[in-house]
Amino acid sequence: MDFIGRFESLDADFQNVCDRLGLRDLSLPQLRAGTGQDYRKAFTAEMVDIVGDIYQRDIRALGYDF
C-alpha cells in the first residue's frame, strides 16, 4: 500500500486514486450529509477511552487526537 486516504479529504483522495489508476469521470455519491460539527464534541470521556483503546495504533499512526 502506498496511499492512505482520509475521510476529511475524501473527494480529493478518491480523485487521487482514480488518477493513479487511470480512471476518468468517476465521482462518489453523497447519500447523507453530515452535520459539519467536530466529531469530538459528541464523545463522552468514557467513549474517548474506549475508542482510544481500540484504535490506539491507527490514531497514533494517522495523527488523530481527541
C-alpha atoms as a PDB file:
ATOM      1  CA  MET A   1       0.000   0.000   0.000  1.00  0.00           C
ATOM      2  CA  ASP A   2       1.383   3.383  -0.914  1.00  0.00           C
ATOM      3  CA  PHE A   3      -1.551   5.675  -0.171  1.00  0.00           C
ATOM      4  CA  ILE A   4      -3.956   6.185   2.714  1.00  0.00           C
ATOM      5  CA  GLY A   5      -6.964   8.359   2.020  1.00  0.00           C
ATOM      6  CA  ARG A   6      -8.646  10.341   4.749  1.00  0.00           C
ATOM      7  CA  PHE A   7     -12.329  10.913   5.267  1.00  0.00           C
ATOM      8  CA  GLU A   8     -11.616  14.596   5.861  1.00  0.00           C
ATOM      9  CA  SER A   9     -10.402  14.891   2.255  1.00  0.00           C
ATOM     10  CA  LEU A  10     -12.413  12.041   0.752  1.00  0.00           C
ATOM     11  CA  ASP A  11     -13.261  13.657  -2.592  1.00  0.00           C
ATOM     12  CA  ALA A  12      -9.692  14.778  -3.284  1.00  0.00           C
ATOM     13  CA  ASP A  13      -8.227  11.469  -2.134  1.00  0.00           C
ATOM     14  CA  PHE A  14     -10.719   9.494  -4.241  1.00  0.00           C
ATOM     15  CA  GLN A  15      -9.761  11.605  -7.250  1.00  0.00           C
ATOM     16  CA  ASN A  16      -6.083  10.959  -6.496  1.00  0.00           C
ATOM     17  CA  VAL A  17      -6.694   7.189  -6.571  1.00  0.00           C
ATOM     18  CA  CYS A  18      -8.723   7.463  -9.788  1.00  0.00           C
ATOM     19  CA  ASP A  19      -5.907   9.454 -11.411  1.00  0.00           C
ATOM     20  CA  ARG A  20      -3.333   6.864 -10.340  1.00  0.00           C
ATOM     21  CA  LEU A  21      -5.477   4.086 -11.819  1.00  0.00           C
ATOM     22  CA  GLY A  22      -6.233   5.991 -14.999  1.00  0.00           C
ATOM     23  CA  LEU A  23      -9.950   6.151 -14.259  1.00  0.00           C
ATOM     24  CA  ARG A  24     -11.829   9.156 -15.591  1.00  0.00           C
ATOM     25  CA  ASP A  25     -15.168  10.797 -14.866  1.00  0.00           C
ATOM     26  CA  LEU A  26     -15.872   8.973 -11.600  1.00  0.00           C
ATOM     27  CA  SER A  27     -17.301  10.627  -8.527  1.00  0.00           C
ATOM     28  CA  LEU A  28     -18.536   9.473  -5.166  1.00  0.00           C
ATOM     29  CA  PRO A  29     -22.238   9.879  -4.489  1.00  0.00           C
ATOM     30  CA  GLN A  30     -23.257  11.701  -1.340  1.00  0.00           C
ATOM     31  CA  LEU A  31     -26.002   9.683   0.309  1.00  0.00           C
ATOM     32  CA  ARG A  32     -26.205  11.569   3.606  1.00  0.00           C
ATOM     33  CA  ALA A  33     -24.776  14.914   4.564  1.00  0.00           C
ATOM     34  CA  GLY A  34     -23.068  15.258   7.913  1.00  0.00           C
ATOM     35  CA  THR A  35     -23.680  17.992  10.428  1.00  0.00           C
ATOM     36  CA  GLY A  36     -20.273  19.582   9.894  1.00  0.00           C
ATOM     37  CA  GLN A  37     -19.631  19.559  13.631  1.00  0.00           C
ATOM     38  CA  ASP A  38     -16.425  18.318  15.206  1.00  0.00           C
ATOM     39  CA  TYR A  39     -16.865  14.613  15.982  1.00  0.00           C
ATOM     40  CA  ARG A  40     -15.046  15.041  19.295  1.00  0.00           C
ATOM     41  CA  LYS A  41     -17.907  17.095  20.705  1.00  0.00           C
ATOM     42  CA  ALA A  42     -20.191  14.051  20.518  1.00  0.00           C
ATOM     43  CA  PHE A  43     -17.847  11.843  22.569  1.00  0.00           C
ATOM     44  CA  THR A  44     -18.104  11.442  26.329  1.00  0.00           C
ATOM     45  CA  ALA A  45     -14.915  10.841  28.327  1.00  0.00           C
ATOM     46  CA  GLU A  46     -15.805   7.150  28.524  1.00  0.00           C
ATOM     47  CA  MET A  47     -16.286   6.960  24.747  1.00  0.00           C
ATOM     48  CA  VAL A  48     -12.908   8.622  24.183  1.00  0.00           C
ATOM     49  CA  ASP A  49     -11.254   5.986  26.386  1.00  0.00           C
ATOM     50  CA  ILE A  50     -12.987   3.113  24.591  1.00  0.00           C
ATOM     51  CA  VAL A  51     -12.241   4.363  21.074  1.00  0.00           C
ATOM     52  CA  GLY A  52      -8.715   5.350  22.108  1.00  0.00           C
ATOM     53  CA  ASP A  53      -8.027   1.856  23.401  1.00  0.00           C
ATOM     54  CA  ILE A  54      -9.474   0.058  20.382  1.00  0.00           C
ATOM     55  CA  TYR A  55      -7.943   2.301  17.711  1.00  0.00           C
ATOM     56  CA  GLN A  56      -4.798   3.402  19.540  1.00  0.00           C
ATOM     57  CA  ARG A  57      -2.451   2.273  16.767  1.00  0.00           C
ATOM     58  CA  ASP A  58      -4.440   3.957  13.977  1.00  0.00           C
ATOM     59  CA  ILE A  59      -4.914   7.174  15.951  1.00  0.00           C
ATOM     60  CA  ARG A  60      -1.190   7.440  16.560  1.00  0.00           C
ATOM     61  CA  ALA A  61      -0.161   6.468  13.006  1.00  0.00           C
ATOM     62  CA  LEU A  62      -2.593   8.894  11.342  1.00  0.00           C
ATOM     63  CA  GLY A  63      -2.120  11.789  13.744  1.00  0.00           C
ATOM     64  CA  TYR A  64      -5.672  11.936  15.084  1.00  0.00           C
ATOM     65  CA  ASP A  65      -6.462  13.127  18.589  1.00  0.00           C
ATOM     66  CA  PHE A  66      -9.338  13.666  20.950  1.00  0.00           C
END
